[in-house]
Amino acid sequence: MSEDAYRFRDWYIPQRMMGAIDRYVNQGIQPGHFLTAVISNDLKEALSRADEENLDNLSAYVSYFYNKAPSACWGSEEKMKAWLESFKMGEERKRKEQRQ
């Protein structure tokens, strides 16, 4: 078992995955295929994209997003797209403000 960053019962999210989760939640940076599937609530795709460690610990990801992440950022493909878009909109506003 690797060092865990989040634990739910007997499952955990490996530390190596937390950076991508944090960048997605706090900066609106698109994660890789596995996390995209988890965040979009696409179980079939998450199972096909997971490595062995993440496959064994999929329940921890669901728990993390349910208990720790903003509900607006996960649960469907539409919610994920809207979350990512909200950061793009914020960046566009910042660039406009800097030009003025």
PDB file of N, CA and C in Angstrom:
ATOM      1  N   MET A   1       0.833  -1.183   0.000  1.00  0.00           N
ATOM      2  CA  MET A   1       0.000   0.000   0.000  1.00  0.00           C
ATOM      3  C   MET A   1       0.877   1.245   0.000  1.00  0.00           C
ATOM      4  N   SER A   2       0.534   2.196  -0.833  1.00  0.00           N
ATOM      5  CA  SER A   2       1.294   3.445  -0.880  1.00  0.00           C
ATOM      6  C   SER A   2       0.810   4.397   0.211  1.00  0.00           C
ATOM      7  N   GLU A   3       1.530   5.487   0.364  1.00  0.00           N
ATOM      8  CA  GLU A   3       1.109   6.513   1.311  1.00  0.00           C
ATOM      9  C   GLU A   3      -0.243   7.052   0.860  1.00  0.00           C
ATOM     10  N   ASP A   4      -1.178   7.150   1.783  1.00  0.00           N
ATOM     11  CA  ASP A   4      -2.497   7.608   1.404  1.00  0.00           C
ATOM     12  C   ASP A   4      -2.719   9.053   1.813  1.00  0.00           C
ATOM     13  N   ALA A   5      -3.469   9.761   0.994  1.00  0.00           N
ATOM     14  CA  ALA A   5      -3.750  11.164   1.235  1.00  0.00           C
ATOM     15  C   ALA A   5      -5.159  11.363   1.776  1.00  0.00           C
ATOM     16  N   TYR A   6      -6.042  10.441   1.468  1.00  0.00           N
ATOM     17  CA  TYR A   6      -7.408  10.485   1.963  1.00  0.00           C
ATOM     18  C   TYR A   6      -7.834   9.048   2.202  1.00  0.00           C
ATOM     19  N   ARG A   7      -8.456   8.815   3.329  1.00  0.00           N
ATOM     20  CA  ARG A   7      -8.866   7.459   3.677  1.00  0.00           C
ATOM     21  C   ARG A   7     -10.367   7.433   3.944  1.00  0.00           C
ATOM     22  N   PHE A   8     -11.001   6.392   3.423  1.00  0.00           N
ATOM     23  CA  PHE A   8     -12.408   6.121   3.681  1.00  0.00           C
ATOM     24  C   PHE A   8     -12.533   4.637   4.005  1.00  0.00           C
ATOM     25  N   ARG A   9     -12.832   4.344   5.250  1.00  0.00           N
ATOM     26  CA  ARG A   9     -12.889   2.963   5.738  1.00  0.00           C
ATOM     27  C   ARG A   9     -11.586   2.259   5.394  1.00  0.00           C
ATOM     28  N   ASP A  10     -11.640   1.179   4.618  1.00  0.00           N
ATOM     29  CA  ASP A  10     -10.413   0.452   4.264  1.00  0.00           C
ATOM     30  C   ASP A  10      -9.812   0.899   2.934  1.00  0.00           C
ATOM     31  N   TRP A  11     -10.386   1.917   2.315  1.00  0.00           N
ATOM     32  CA  TRP A  11      -9.914   2.380   1.003  1.00  0.00           C
ATOM     33  C   TRP A  11      -9.213   3.721   1.152  1.00  0.00           C
ATOM     34  N   TYR A  12      -8.423   4.064   0.163  1.00  0.00           N
ATOM     35  CA  TYR A  12      -7.672   5.319   0.225  1.00  0.00           C
ATOM     36  C   TYR A  12      -7.427   5.866  -1.172  1.00  0.00           C
ATOM     37  N   ILE A  13      -7.157   7.151  -1.222  1.00  0.00           N
ATOM     38  CA  ILE A  13      -6.682   7.800  -2.444  1.00  0.00           C
ATOM     39  C   ILE A  13      -5.182   7.956  -2.281  1.00  0.00           C
ATOM     40  N   PRO A  14      -4.393   7.432  -3.205  1.00  0.00           N
ATOM     41  CA  PRO A  14      -2.941   7.569  -3.092  1.00  0.00           C
ATOM     42  C   PRO A  14      -2.511   9.038  -3.156  1.00  0.00           C
ATOM     43  N   GLN A  15      -1.478   9.362  -2.437  1.00  0.00           N
ATOM     44  CA  GLN A  15      -0.933  10.718  -2.427  1.00  0.00           C
ATOM     45  C   GLN A  15      -0.651  11.214  -3.845  1.00  0.00           C
ATOM     46  N   ARG A  16      -0.168  10.337  -4.698  1.00  0.00           N
ATOM     47  CA  ARG A  16       0.200  10.726  -6.072  1.00  0.00           C
ATOM     48  C   ARG A  16      -0.990  11.229  -6.890  1.00  0.00           C
ATOM     49  N   MET A  17      -2.211  10.962  -6.436  1.00  0.00           N
ATOM     50  CA  MET A  17      -3.403  11.388  -7.170  1.00  0.00           C
ATOM     51  C   MET A  17      -3.973  12.709  -6.647  1.00  0.00           C
ATOM     52  N   MET A  18      -3.572  13.111  -5.466  1.00  0.00           N
ATOM     53  CA  MET A  18      -4.173  14.295  -4.847  1.00  0.00           C
ATOM     54  C   MET A  18      -3.833  15.593  -5.560  1.00  0.00           C
ATOM     55  N   GLY A  19      -2.670  15.668  -6.169  1.00  0.00           N
ATOM     56  CA  GLY A  19      -2.307  16.885  -6.895  1.00  0.00           C
ATOM     57  C   GLY A  19      -3.270  17.158  -8.034  1.00  0.00           C
ATOM     58  N   ALA A  20      -3.605  16.136  -8.794  1.00  0.00           N
ATOM     59  CA  ALA A  20      -4.529  16.300  -9.915  1.00  0.00           C
ATOM     60  C   ALA A  20      -5.928  16.663  -9.423  1.00  0.00           C
ATOM     61  N   ILE A  21      -6.350  16.057  -8.319  1.00  0.00           N
ATOM     62  CA  ILE A  21      -7.658  16.395  -7.744  1.00  0.00           C
ATOM     63  C   ILE A  21      -7.663  17.852  -7.296  1.00  0.00           C
ATOM     64  N   ASP A  22      -6.617  18.272  -6.599  1.00  0.00           N
ATOM     65  CA  ASP A  22      -6.514  19.650  -6.118  1.00  0.00           C
ATOM     66  C   ASP A  22      -6.484  20.651  -7.276  1.00  0.00           C
ATOM     67  N   ARG A  23      -5.716  20.344  -8.313  1.00  0.00           N
ATOM     68  CA  ARG A  23      -5.652  21.252  -9.473  1.00  0.00           C
ATOM     69  C   ARG A  23      -7.008  21.372 -10.159  1.00  0.00           C
ATOM     70  N   TYR A  24      -7.739  20.273 -10.234  1.00  0.00           N
ATOM     71  CA  TYR A  24      -9.075  20.327 -10.838  1.00  0.00           C
ATOM     72  C   TYR A  24     -10.022  21.161  -9.971  1.00  0.00           C
ATOM     73  N   VAL A  25     -10.116  20.842  -8.690  1.00  0.00           N
ATOM     74  CA  VAL A  25     -11.074  21.505  -7.806  1.00  0.00           C
ATOM     75  C   VAL A  25     -10.746  22.979  -7.622  1.00  0.00           C
ATOM     76  N   ASN A  26      -9.481  23.312  -7.435  1.00  0.00           N
ATOM     77  CA  ASN A  26      -9.107  24.677  -7.058  1.00  0.00           C
ATOM     78  C   ASN A  26      -8.615  25.563  -8.190  1.00  0.00           C
ATOM     79  N   GLN A  27      -8.224  24.958  -9.322  1.00  0.00           N
ATOM     80  CA  GLN A  27      -7.701  25.757 -10.422  1.00  0.00           C
ATOM     81  C   GLN A  27      -8.406  25.497 -11.749  1.00  0.00           C
ATOM     82  N   GLY A  28      -9.300  24.514 -11.776  1.00  0.00           N
ATOM     83  CA  GLY A  28     -10.028  24.215 -12.998  1.00  0.00           C
ATOM     84  C   GLY A  28      -9.173  23.595 -14.081  1.00  0.00           C
ATOM     85  N   ILE A  29      -8.192  22.793 -13.689  1.00  0.00           N
ATOM     86  CA  ILE A  29      -7.310  22.133 -14.655  1.00  0.00           C
ATOM     87  C   ILE A  29      -7.834  20.723 -14.906  1.00  0.00           C
ATOM     88  N   GLN A  30      -8.060  20.418 -16.177  1.00  0.00           N
ATOM     89  CA  GLN A  30      -8.594  19.112 -16.590  1.00  0.00           C
ATOM     90  C   GLN A  30      -7.689  17.985 -16.106  1.00  0.00           C
ATOM     91  N   PRO A  31      -8.245  17.010 -15.383  1.00  0.00           N
ATOM     92  CA  PRO A  31      -7.443  15.862 -14.945  1.00  0.00           C
ATOM     93  C   PRO A  31      -7.328  14.818 -16.052  1.00  0.00           C
ATOM     94  N   GLY A  32      -6.625  13.742 -15.762  1.00  0.00           N
ATOM     95  CA  GLY A  32      -6.469  12.655 -16.716  1.00  0.00           C
ATOM     96  C   GLY A  32      -7.752  11.853 -16.883  1.00  0.00           C
ATOM     97  N   HIS A  33      -7.671  10.833 -17.730  1.00  0.00           N
ATOM     98  CA  HIS A  33      -8.850  10.053 -18.104  1.00  0.00           C
ATOM     99  C   HIS A  33      -9.539   9.381 -16.915  1.00  0.00           C
ATOM    100  N   PHE A  34      -8.780   8.777 -16.022  1.00  0.00           N
ATOM    101  CA  PHE A  34      -9.382   8.094 -14.883  1.00  0.00           C
ATOM    102  C   PHE A  34     -10.159   9.069 -14.009  1.00  0.00           C
ATOM    103  N   LEU A  35      -9.528  10.163 -13.596  1.00  0.00           N
ATOM    104  CA  LEU A  35     -10.218  11.121 -12.736  1.00  0.00           C
ATOM    105  C   LEU A  35     -11.379  11.794 -13.459  1.00  0.00           C
ATOM    106  N   THR A  36     -11.236  12.043 -14.737  1.00  0.00           N
ATOM    107  CA  THR A  36     -12.346  12.602 -15.512  1.00  0.00           C
ATOM    108  C   THR A  36     -13.554  11.675 -15.434  1.00  0.00           C
ATOM    109  N   ALA A  37     -13.319  10.385 -15.578  1.00  0.00           N
ATOM    110  CA  ALA A  37     -14.414   9.411 -15.495  1.00  0.00           C
ATOM    111  C   ALA A  37     -15.025   9.398 -14.096  1.00  0.00           C
ATOM    112  N   VAL A  38     -14.205   9.426 -13.063  1.00  0.00           N
ATOM    113  CA  VAL A  38     -14.707   9.441 -11.685  1.00  0.00           C
ATOM    114  C   VAL A  38     -15.543  10.695 -11.449  1.00  0.00           C
ATOM    115  N   ILE A  39     -15.002  11.839 -11.802  1.00  0.00           N
ATOM    116  CA  ILE A  39     -15.667  13.117 -11.576  1.00  0.00           C
ATOM    117  C   ILE A  39     -16.975  13.203 -12.363  1.00  0.00           C
ATOM    118  N   SER A  40     -16.992  12.617 -13.555  1.00  0.00           N
ATOM    119  CA  SER A  40     -18.187  12.634 -14.405  1.00  0.00           C
ATOM    120  C   SER A  40     -19.193  11.559 -14.031  1.00  0.00           C
ATOM    121  N   ASN A  41     -18.869  10.762 -13.026  1.00  0.00           N
ATOM    122  CA  ASN A  41     -19.747   9.684 -12.563  1.00  0.00           C
ATOM    123  C   ASN A  41     -19.960   8.619 -13.645  1.00  0.00           C
ATOM    124  N   ASP A  42     -18.890   8.318 -14.374  1.00  0.00           N
ATOM    125  CA  ASP A  42     -18.921   7.305 -15.433  1.00  0.00           C
ATOM    126  C   ASP A  42     -18.188   6.062 -14.927  1.00  0.00           C
ATOM    127  N   LEU A  43     -18.917   5.186 -14.247  1.00  0.00           N
ATOM    128  CA  LEU A  43     -18.315   4.021 -13.609  1.00  0.00           C
ATOM    129  C   LEU A  43     -17.616   3.109 -14.605  1.00  0.00           C
ATOM    130  N   LYS A  44     -18.249   2.838 -15.723  1.00  0.00           N
ATOM    131  CA  LYS A  44     -17.651   1.945 -16.718  1.00  0.00           C
ATOM    132  C   LYS A  44     -16.308   2.476 -17.191  1.00  0.00           C
ATOM    133  N   GLU A  45     -16.252   3.748 -17.486  1.00  0.00           N
ATOM    134  CA  GLU A  45     -15.004   4.350 -17.957  1.00  0.00           C
ATOM    135  C   GLU A  45     -13.960   4.400 -16.840  1.00  0.00           C
ATOM    136  N   ALA A  46     -14.383   4.702 -15.625  1.00  0.00           N
ATOM    137  CA  ALA A  46     -13.453   4.730 -14.493  1.00  0.00           C
ATOM    138  C   ALA A  46     -12.825   3.356 -14.285  1.00  0.00           C
ATOM    139  N   LEU A  47     -13.632   2.323 -14.362  1.00  0.00           N
ATOM    140  CA  LEU A  47     -13.103   0.963 -14.200  1.00  0.00           C
ATOM    141  C   LEU A  47     -12.124   0.610 -15.313  1.00  0.00           C
ATOM    142  N   SER A  48     -12.397   1.043 -16.516  1.00  0.00           N
ATOM    143  CA  SER A  48     -11.501   0.705 -17.633  1.00  0.00           C
ATOM    144  C   SER A  48     -10.223   1.532 -17.630  1.00  0.00           C
ATOM    145  N   ARG A  49     -10.242   2.701 -17.009  1.00  0.00           N
ATOM    146  CA  ARG A  49      -9.071   3.599 -16.988  1.00  0.00           C
ATOM    147  C   ARG A  49      -8.192   3.438 -15.760  1.00  0.00           C
ATOM    148  N   ALA A  50      -8.711   2.807 -14.711  1.00  0.00           N
ATOM    149  CA  ALA A  50      -7.993   2.729 -13.437  1.00  0.00           C
ATOM    150  C   ALA A  50      -6.820   1.761 -13.504  1.00  0.00           C
ATOM    151  N   ASP A  51      -5.716   2.140 -12.846  1.00  0.00           N
ATOM    152  CA  ASP A  51      -4.651   1.168 -12.619  1.00  0.00           C
ATOM    153  C   ASP A  51      -5.077   0.291 -11.441  1.00  0.00           C
ATOM    154  N   GLU A  52      -4.295  -0.691 -11.111  1.00  0.00           N
ATOM    155  CA  GLU A  52      -4.689  -1.662 -10.082  1.00  0.00           C
ATOM    156  C   GLU A  52      -4.968  -0.999  -8.729  1.00  0.00           C
ATOM    157  N   GLU A  53      -4.090  -0.093  -8.325  1.00  0.00           N
ATOM    158  CA  GLU A  53      -4.257   0.555  -7.023  1.00  0.00           C
ATOM    159  C   GLU A  53      -5.528   1.402  -6.980  1.00  0.00           C
ATOM    160  N   ASN A  54      -5.773   2.176  -8.029  1.00  0.00           N
ATOM    161  CA  ASN A  54      -6.975   3.006  -8.053  1.00  0.00           C
ATOM    162  C   ASN A  54      -8.237   2.169  -8.207  1.00  0.00           C
ATOM    163  N   LEU A  55      -8.153   1.091  -8.941  1.00  0.00           N
ATOM    164  CA  LEU A  55      -9.291   0.192  -9.078  1.00  0.00           C
ATOM    165  C   LEU A  55      -9.699  -0.366  -7.715  1.00  0.00           C
ATOM    166  N   ASP A  56      -8.729  -0.778  -6.939  1.00  0.00           N
ATOM    167  CA  ASP A  56      -9.001  -1.331  -5.613  1.00  0.00           C
ATOM    168  C   ASP A  56      -9.566  -0.293  -4.644  1.00  0.00           C
ATOM    169  N   ASN A  57      -9.373   0.980  -4.941  1.00  0.00           N
ATOM    170  CA  ASN A  57      -9.738   2.046  -4.009  1.00  0.00           C
ATOM    171  C   ASN A  57     -10.759   3.027  -4.558  1.00  0.00           C
ATOM    172  N   LEU A  58     -11.502   2.614  -5.547  1.00  0.00           N
ATOM    173  CA  LEU A  58     -12.475   3.497  -6.189  1.00  0.00           C
ATOM    174  C   LEU A  58     -13.475   4.091  -5.195  1.00  0.00           C
ATOM    175  N   SER A  59     -13.851   3.334  -4.201  1.00  0.00           N
ATOM    176  CA  SER A  59     -14.798   3.835  -3.189  1.00  0.00           C
ATOM    177  C   SER A  59     -14.276   5.071  -2.478  1.00  0.00           C
ATOM    178  N   ALA A  60     -12.980   5.171  -2.280  1.00  0.00           N
ATOM    179  CA  ALA A  60     -12.407   6.347  -1.617  1.00  0.00           C
ATOM    180  C   ALA A  60     -12.598   7.604  -2.450  1.00  0.00           C
ATOM    181  N   TYR A  61     -12.508   7.471  -3.762  1.00  0.00           N
ATOM    182  CA  TYR A  61     -12.722   8.629  -4.644  1.00  0.00           C
ATOM    183  C   TYR A  61     -14.158   9.132  -4.536  1.00  0.00           C
ATOM    184  N   VAL A  62     -15.097   8.203  -4.555  1.00  0.00           N
ATOM    185  CA  VAL A  62     -16.504   8.588  -4.441  1.00  0.00           C
ATOM    186  C   VAL A  62     -16.738   9.286  -3.103  1.00  0.00           C
ATOM    187  N   SER A  63     -16.192   8.737  -2.047  1.00  0.00           N
ATOM    188  CA  SER A  63     -16.331   9.342  -0.729  1.00  0.00           C
ATOM    189  C   SER A  63     -15.701  10.729  -0.684  1.00  0.00           C
ATOM    190  N   TYR A  64     -14.528  10.861  -1.259  1.00  0.00           N
ATOM    191  CA  TYR A  64     -13.836  12.155  -1.247  1.00  0.00           C
ATOM    192  C   TYR A  64     -14.673  13.230  -1.941  1.00  0.00           C
ATOM    193  N   PHE A  65     -15.125  12.921  -3.151  1.00  0.00           N
ATOM    194  CA  PHE A  65     -15.886  13.940  -3.873  1.00  0.00           C
ATOM    195  C   PHE A  65     -17.213  14.232  -3.176  1.00  0.00           C
ATOM    196  N   TYR A  66     -17.846  13.234  -2.615  1.00  0.00           N
ATOM    197  CA  TYR A  66     -19.117  13.435  -1.916  1.00  0.00           C
ATOM    198  C   TYR A  66     -18.927  14.272  -0.648  1.00  0.00           C
ATOM    199  N   ASN A  67     -17.877  14.000   0.103  1.00  0.00           N
ATOM    200  CA  ASN A  67     -17.689  14.624   1.413  1.00  0.00           C
ATOM    201  C   ASN A  67     -16.800  15.860   1.425  1.00  0.00           C
ATOM    202  N   LYS A  68     -15.899  15.995   0.462  1.00  0.00           N
ATOM    203  CA  LYS A  68     -14.896  17.054   0.537  1.00  0.00           C
ATOM    204  C   LYS A  68     -14.958  18.080  -0.598  1.00  0.00           C
ATOM    205  N   ALA A  69     -15.428  17.682  -1.764  1.00  0.00           N
ATOM    206  CA  ALA A  69     -15.400  18.578  -2.928  1.00  0.00           C
ATOM    207  C   ALA A  69     -16.727  19.327  -3.065  1.00  0.00           C
ATOM    208  N   PRO A  70     -16.689  20.502  -3.668  1.00  0.00           N
ATOM    209  CA  PRO A  70     -17.946  21.216  -3.923  1.00  0.00           C
ATOM    210  C   PRO A  70     -18.869  20.372  -4.811  1.00  0.00           C
ATOM    211  N   SER A  71     -20.139  20.322  -4.469  1.00  0.00           N
ATOM    212  CA  SER A  71     -21.064  19.490  -5.242  1.00  0.00           C
ATOM    213  C   SER A  71     -21.196  19.955  -6.684  1.00  0.00           C
ATOM    214  N   ALA A  72     -20.914  21.212  -6.935  1.00  0.00           N
ATOM    215  CA  ALA A  72     -21.017  21.733  -8.304  1.00  0.00           C
ATOM    216  C   ALA A  72     -19.916  21.216  -9.223  1.00  0.00           C
ATOM    217  N   CYS A  73     -18.867  20.603  -8.672  1.00  0.00           N
ATOM    218  CA  CYS A  73     -17.722  20.220  -9.506  1.00  0.00           C
ATOM    219  C   CYS A  73     -17.716  18.763  -9.926  1.00  0.00           C
ATOM    220  N   TRP A  74     -18.668  17.964  -9.488  1.00  0.00           N
ATOM    221  CA  TRP A  74     -18.625  16.537  -9.820  1.00  0.00           C
ATOM    222  C   TRP A  74     -20.047  15.968  -9.888  1.00  0.00           C
ATOM    223  N   GLY A  75     -20.162  14.782 -10.481  1.00  0.00           N
ATOM    224  CA  GLY A  75     -21.442  14.079 -10.502  1.00  0.00           C
ATOM    225  C   GLY A  75     -21.982  13.799 -11.878  1.00  0.00           C
ATOM    226  N   SER A  76     -21.534  14.569 -12.868  1.00  0.00           N
ATOM    227  CA  SER A  76     -21.960  14.348 -14.245  1.00  0.00           C
ATOM    228  C   SER A  76     -20.968  15.025 -15.184  1.00  0.00           C
ATOM    229  N   GLU A  77     -21.019  14.633 -16.436  1.00  0.00           N
ATOM    230  CA  GLU A  77     -20.165  15.262 -17.441  1.00  0.00           C
ATOM    231  C   GLU A  77     -20.513  16.743 -17.575  1.00  0.00           C
ATOM    232  N   GLU A  78     -21.793  17.063 -17.498  1.00  0.00           N
ATOM    233  CA  GLU A  78     -22.232  18.452 -17.628  1.00  0.00           C
ATOM    234  C   GLU A  78     -21.704  19.312 -16.483  1.00  0.00           C
ATOM    235  N   LYS A  79     -21.765  18.773 -15.266  1.00  0.00           N
ATOM    236  CA  LYS A  79     -21.238  19.525 -14.120  1.00  0.00           C
ATOM    237  C   LYS A  79     -19.738  19.743 -14.256  1.00  0.00           C
ATOM    238  N   MET A  80     -19.029  18.731 -14.715  1.00  0.00           N
ATOM    239  CA  MET A  80     -17.585  18.869 -14.880  1.00  0.00           C
ATOM    240  C   MET A  80     -17.255  19.929 -15.930  1.00  0.00           C
ATOM    241  N   LYS A  81     -17.943  19.882 -17.048  1.00  0.00           N
ATOM    242  CA  LYS A  81     -17.706  20.880 -18.104  1.00  0.00           C
ATOM    243  C   LYS A  81     -17.994  22.291 -17.595  1.00  0.00           C
ATOM    244  N   ALA A  82     -19.095  22.452 -16.869  1.00  0.00           N
ATOM    245  CA  ALA A  82     -19.441  23.766 -16.330  1.00  0.00           C
ATOM    246  C   ALA A  82     -18.395  24.245 -15.327  1.00  0.00           C
ATOM    247  N   TRP A  83     -17.878  23.318 -14.506  1.00  0.00           N
ATOM    248  CA  TRP A  83     -16.841  23.676 -13.530  1.00  0.00           C
ATOM    249  C   TRP A  83     -15.584  24.170 -14.236  1.00  0.00           C
ATOM    250  N   LEU A  84     -15.143  23.426 -15.225  1.00  0.00           N
ATOM    251  CA  LEU A  84     -13.950  23.823 -15.976  1.00  0.00           C
ATOM    252  C   LEU A  84     -14.175  25.155 -16.684  1.00  0.00           C
ATOM    253  N   GLU A  85     -15.349  25.317 -17.257  1.00  0.00           N
ATOM    254  CA  GLU A  85     -15.674  26.554 -17.969  1.00  0.00           C
ATOM    255  C   GLU A  85     -15.692  27.750 -17.029  1.00  0.00           C
ATOM    256  N   SER A  86     -16.119  27.547 -15.795  1.00  0.00           N
ATOM    257  CA  SER A  86     -16.161  28.662 -14.845  1.00  0.00           C
ATOM    258  C   SER A  86     -14.769  29.221 -14.585  1.00  0.00           C
ATOM    259  N   PHE A  87     -13.762  28.380 -14.633  1.00  0.00           N
ATOM    260  CA  PHE A  87     -12.390  28.855 -14.445  1.00  0.00           C
ATOM    261  C   PHE A  87     -11.904  29.585 -15.685  1.00  0.00           C
ATOM    262  N   LYS A  88     -12.276  29.097 -16.856  1.00  0.00           N
ATOM    263  CA  LYS A  88     -11.898  29.784 -18.098  1.00  0.00           C
ATOM    264  C   LYS A  88     -12.510  31.168 -18.125  1.00  0.00           C
ATOM    265  N   MET A  89     -13.759  31.272 -17.714  1.00  0.00           N
ATOM    266  CA  MET A  89     -14.431  32.575 -17.684  1.00  0.00           C
ATOM    267  C   MET A  89     -13.710  33.516 -16.724  1.00  0.00           C
ATOM    268  N   GLY A  90     -13.282  32.998 -15.591  1.00  0.00           N
ATOM    269  CA  GLY A  90     -12.549  33.806 -14.626  1.00  0.00           C
ATOM    270  C   GLY A  90     -11.237  34.302 -15.182  1.00  0.00           C
ATOM    271  N   GLU A  91     -10.532  33.456 -15.927  1.00  0.00           N
ATOM    272  CA  GLU A  91      -9.268  33.855 -16.543  1.00  0.00           C
ATOM    273  C   GLU A  91      -9.496  34.932 -17.598  1.00  0.00           C
ATOM    274  N   GLU A  92     -10.559  34.804 -18.381  1.00  0.00           N
ATOM    275  CA  GLU A  92     -10.864  35.821 -19.388  1.00  0.00           C
ATOM    276  C   GLU A  92     -11.144  37.163 -18.738  1.00  0.00           C
ATOM    277  N   ARG A  93     -11.892  37.147 -17.632  1.00  0.00           N
ATOM    278  CA  ARG A  93     -12.177  38.391 -16.908  1.00  0.00           C
ATOM    279  C   ARG A  93     -10.897  39.023 -16.384  1.00  0.00           C
ATOM    280  N   LYS A  94      -9.994  38.201 -15.842  1.00  0.00           N
ATOM    281  CA  LYS A  94      -8.726  38.725 -15.315  1.00  0.00           C
ATOM    282  C   LYS A  94      -7.915  39.376 -16.439  1.00  0.00           C
ATOM    283  N   ARG A  95      -7.858  38.726 -17.599  1.00  0.00           N
ATOM    284  CA  ARG A  95      -7.094  39.304 -18.721  1.00  0.00           C
ATOM    285  C   ARG A  95      -7.699  40.624 -19.172  1.00  0.00           C
ATOM    286  N   LYS A  96      -9.020  40.723 -19.234  1.00  0.00           N
ATOM    287  CA  LYS A  96      -9.683  41.964 -19.623  1.00  0.00           C
ATOM    288  C   LYS A  96      -9.364  43.068 -18.620  1.00  0.00           C
ATOM    289  N   GLU A  97      -9.407  42.728 -17.332  1.00  0.00           N
ATOM    290  CA  GLU A  97      -9.125  43.714 -16.291  1.00  0.00           C
ATOM    291  C   GLU A  97      -7.675  44.195 -16.373  1.00  0.00           C
ATOM    292  N   GLN A  98      -6.760  43.314 -16.703  1.00  0.00           N
ATOM    293  CA  GLN A  98      -5.345  43.688 -16.807  1.00  0.00           C
ATOM    294  C   GLN A  98      -5.104  44.625 -17.994  1.00  0.00           C
ATOM    295  N   ARG A  99      -5.875  44.488 -19.053  1.00  0.00           N
ATOM    296  CA  ARG A  99      -5.715  45.340 -20.236  1.00  0.00           C
ATOM    297  C   ARG A  99      -6.233  46.738 -19.996  1.00  0.00           C
ATOM    298  N   GLN A 100      -7.156  46.901 -19.086  1.00  0.00           N
ATOM    299  CA  GLN A 100      -7.765  48.225 -18.852  1.00  0.00           C
ATOM    300  C   GLN A 100      -6.931  49.105 -18.000  1.00  0.00           C
TER     301      GLN A 100
END
